[in-house]
Amino acid sequence: GTVTAPIKPYAVSPMRPVPKHIERPHYVGRPAPDPYTGSHVQSEETIEKMRIAGRIAAQAMAAAAEAIKPGVTTDEIDRVGHE
């Protein structure tokens, strides 16, 4: 059976810090993306970096998914994925 419990309001936690050596994408802190102007052709080097970033993101998502259990807050799940 499915276990249900009332959802309780919770304060939004502050943004987690990102180490300074990690380069921020150009869109960080902007209210909206740039208008679409067509696709971009990437270099082999950029494509490899994108693959590495995708693997890291997949690992973070898998770790966060493992943390999902009854009673675990979304803040805790966010911490696991962030670390």
C-alpha atoms as a PDB file:
ATOM      1  CA  GLY A   1       0.000   0.000   0.000  1.00  0.00           C
ATOM      2  CA  THR A   2       0.823   3.613  -0.371  1.00  0.00           C
ATOM      3  CA  VAL A   3       1.710   5.572   2.734  1.00  0.00           C
ATOM      4  CA  THR A   4       0.488   9.142   2.769  1.00  0.00           C
ATOM      5  CA  ALA A   5       1.084  11.907   5.248  1.00  0.00           C
ATOM      6  CA  PRO A   6       0.116  15.539   5.332  1.00  0.00           C
ATOM      7  CA  ILE A   7       2.493  17.880   3.561  1.00  0.00           C
ATOM      8  CA  LYS A   8       3.911  20.488   5.907  1.00  0.00           C
ATOM      9  CA  PRO A   9       5.031  23.955   4.766  1.00  0.00           C
ATOM     10  CA  TYR A  10       8.774  24.414   5.011  1.00  0.00           C
ATOM     11  CA  ALA A  11      10.954  27.474   4.607  1.00  0.00           C
ATOM     12  CA  VAL A  12      13.026  27.636   1.433  1.00  0.00           C
ATOM     13  CA  SER A  13      16.669  27.182   2.357  1.00  0.00           C
ATOM     14  CA  PRO A  14      19.355  29.565   1.126  1.00  0.00           C
ATOM     15  CA  MET A  15      21.152  28.682  -2.092  1.00  0.00           C
ATOM     16  CA  ARG A  16      24.059  26.327  -1.524  1.00  0.00           C
ATOM     17  CA  PRO A  17      27.505  27.764  -2.270  1.00  0.00           C
ATOM     18  CA  VAL A  18      29.351  26.636  -5.389  1.00  0.00           C
ATOM     19  CA  PRO A  19      33.164  26.565  -5.206  1.00  0.00           C
ATOM     20  CA  LYS A  20      34.766  29.542  -6.946  1.00  0.00           C
ATOM     21  CA  HIS A  21      36.839  27.314  -9.251  1.00  0.00           C
ATOM     22  CA  ILE A  22      33.643  26.077 -10.945  1.00  0.00           C
ATOM     23  CA  GLU A  23      32.877  28.320 -13.910  1.00  0.00           C
ATOM     24  CA  ARG A  24      29.341  29.706 -13.961  1.00  0.00           C
ATOM     25  CA  PRO A  25      27.349  29.428 -17.198  1.00  0.00           C
ATOM     26  CA  HIS A  26      26.644  32.765 -18.874  1.00  0.00           C
ATOM     27  CA  TYR A  27      22.946  32.515 -17.994  1.00  0.00           C
ATOM     28  CA  VAL A  28      23.385  32.312 -14.199  1.00  0.00           C
ATOM     29  CA  GLY A  29      21.610  35.213 -12.512  1.00  0.00           C
ATOM     30  CA  ARG A  30      19.664  36.212 -15.621  1.00  0.00           C
ATOM     31  CA  PRO A  31      15.867  36.455 -15.533  1.00  0.00           C
ATOM     32  CA  ALA A  32      15.363  34.771 -18.932  1.00  0.00           C
ATOM     33  CA  PRO A  33      17.369  32.906 -21.555  1.00  0.00           C
ATOM     34  CA  ASP A  34      18.653  34.515 -24.740  1.00  0.00           C
ATOM     35  CA  PRO A  35      16.254  34.247 -27.683  1.00  0.00           C
ATOM     36  CA  TYR A  36      16.700  31.073 -29.737  1.00  0.00           C
ATOM     37  CA  THR A  37      18.801  31.780 -32.822  1.00  0.00           C
ATOM     38  CA  GLY A  38      19.349  28.244 -34.091  1.00  0.00           C
ATOM     39  CA  SER A  39      21.524  25.314 -33.126  1.00  0.00           C
ATOM     40  CA  HIS A  40      25.186  25.595 -32.168  1.00  0.00           C
ATOM     41  CA  VAL A  41      27.900  23.343 -33.577  1.00  0.00           C
ATOM     42  CA  GLN A  42      30.264  22.338 -30.776  1.00  0.00           C
ATOM     43  CA  SER A  43      33.927  21.339 -30.988  1.00  0.00           C
ATOM     44  CA  GLU A  44      35.035  17.812 -30.077  1.00  0.00           C
ATOM     45  CA  GLU A  45      36.637  19.234 -26.913  1.00  0.00           C
ATOM     46  CA  THR A  46      33.379  20.913 -25.865  1.00  0.00           C
ATOM     47  CA  ILE A  47      31.383  17.759 -26.640  1.00  0.00           C
ATOM     48  CA  GLU A  48      33.708  15.711 -24.416  1.00  0.00           C
ATOM     49  CA  LYS A  49      33.321  18.255 -21.600  1.00  0.00           C
ATOM     50  CA  MET A  50      29.538  18.040 -22.043  1.00  0.00           C
ATOM     51  CA  ARG A  51      29.717  14.233 -21.760  1.00  0.00           C
ATOM     52  CA  ILE A  52      31.733  14.500 -18.538  1.00  0.00           C
ATOM     53  CA  ALA A  53      29.284  17.061 -17.125  1.00  0.00           C
ATOM     54  CA  GLY A  54      26.392  14.762 -18.047  1.00  0.00           C
ATOM     55  CA  ARG A  55      28.000  11.834 -16.206  1.00  0.00           C
ATOM     56  CA  ILE A  56      28.561  13.980 -13.105  1.00  0.00           C
ATOM     57  CA  ALA A  57      24.938  15.188 -13.236  1.00  0.00           C
ATOM     58  CA  ALA A  58      23.700  11.589 -13.591  1.00  0.00           C
ATOM     59  CA  GLN A  59      25.740  10.538 -10.543  1.00  0.00           C
ATOM     60  CA  ALA A  60      24.316  13.431  -8.510  1.00  0.00           C
ATOM     61  CA  MET A  61      20.773  12.528  -9.558  1.00  0.00           C
ATOM     62  CA  ALA A  62      21.332   8.855  -8.669  1.00  0.00           C
ATOM     63  CA  ALA A  63      22.683   9.819  -5.235  1.00  0.00           C
ATOM     64  CA  ALA A  64      19.699  12.111  -4.644  1.00  0.00           C
ATOM     65  CA  ALA A  65      17.291   9.359  -5.743  1.00  0.00           C
ATOM     66  CA  GLU A  66      18.880   6.964  -3.227  1.00  0.00           C
ATOM     67  CA  ALA A  67      18.201   9.492  -0.460  1.00  0.00           C
ATOM     68  CA  ILE A  68      14.453   9.608  -1.182  1.00  0.00           C
ATOM     69  CA  LYS A  69      12.718   7.866   1.700  1.00  0.00           C
ATOM     70  CA  PRO A  70       9.743   8.649   3.909  1.00  0.00           C
ATOM     71  CA  GLY A  71      10.667  11.354   6.406  1.00  0.00           C
ATOM     72  CA  VAL A  72      13.660  12.687   4.443  1.00  0.00           C
ATOM     73  CA  THR A  73      13.210  16.369   3.637  1.00  0.00           C
ATOM     74  CA  THR A  74      13.711  17.799   0.179  1.00  0.00           C
ATOM     75  CA  ASP A  75      16.404  19.986   1.749  1.00  0.00           C
ATOM     76  CA  GLU A  76      18.347  16.860   2.740  1.00  0.00           C
ATOM     77  CA  ILE A  77      17.889  15.351  -0.738  1.00  0.00           C
ATOM     78  CA  ASP A  78      19.184  18.614  -2.219  1.00  0.00           C
ATOM     79  CA  ARG A  79      22.237  18.462   0.067  1.00  0.00           C
ATOM     80  CA  VAL A  80      23.030  14.915  -1.066  1.00  0.00           C
ATOM     81  CA  GLY A  81      22.762  15.859  -4.741  1.00  0.00           C
ATOM     82  CA  HIS A  82      24.811  19.010  -4.247  1.00  0.00           C
ATOM     83  CA  GLU A  83      27.667  17.231  -2.487  1.00  0.00           C
END
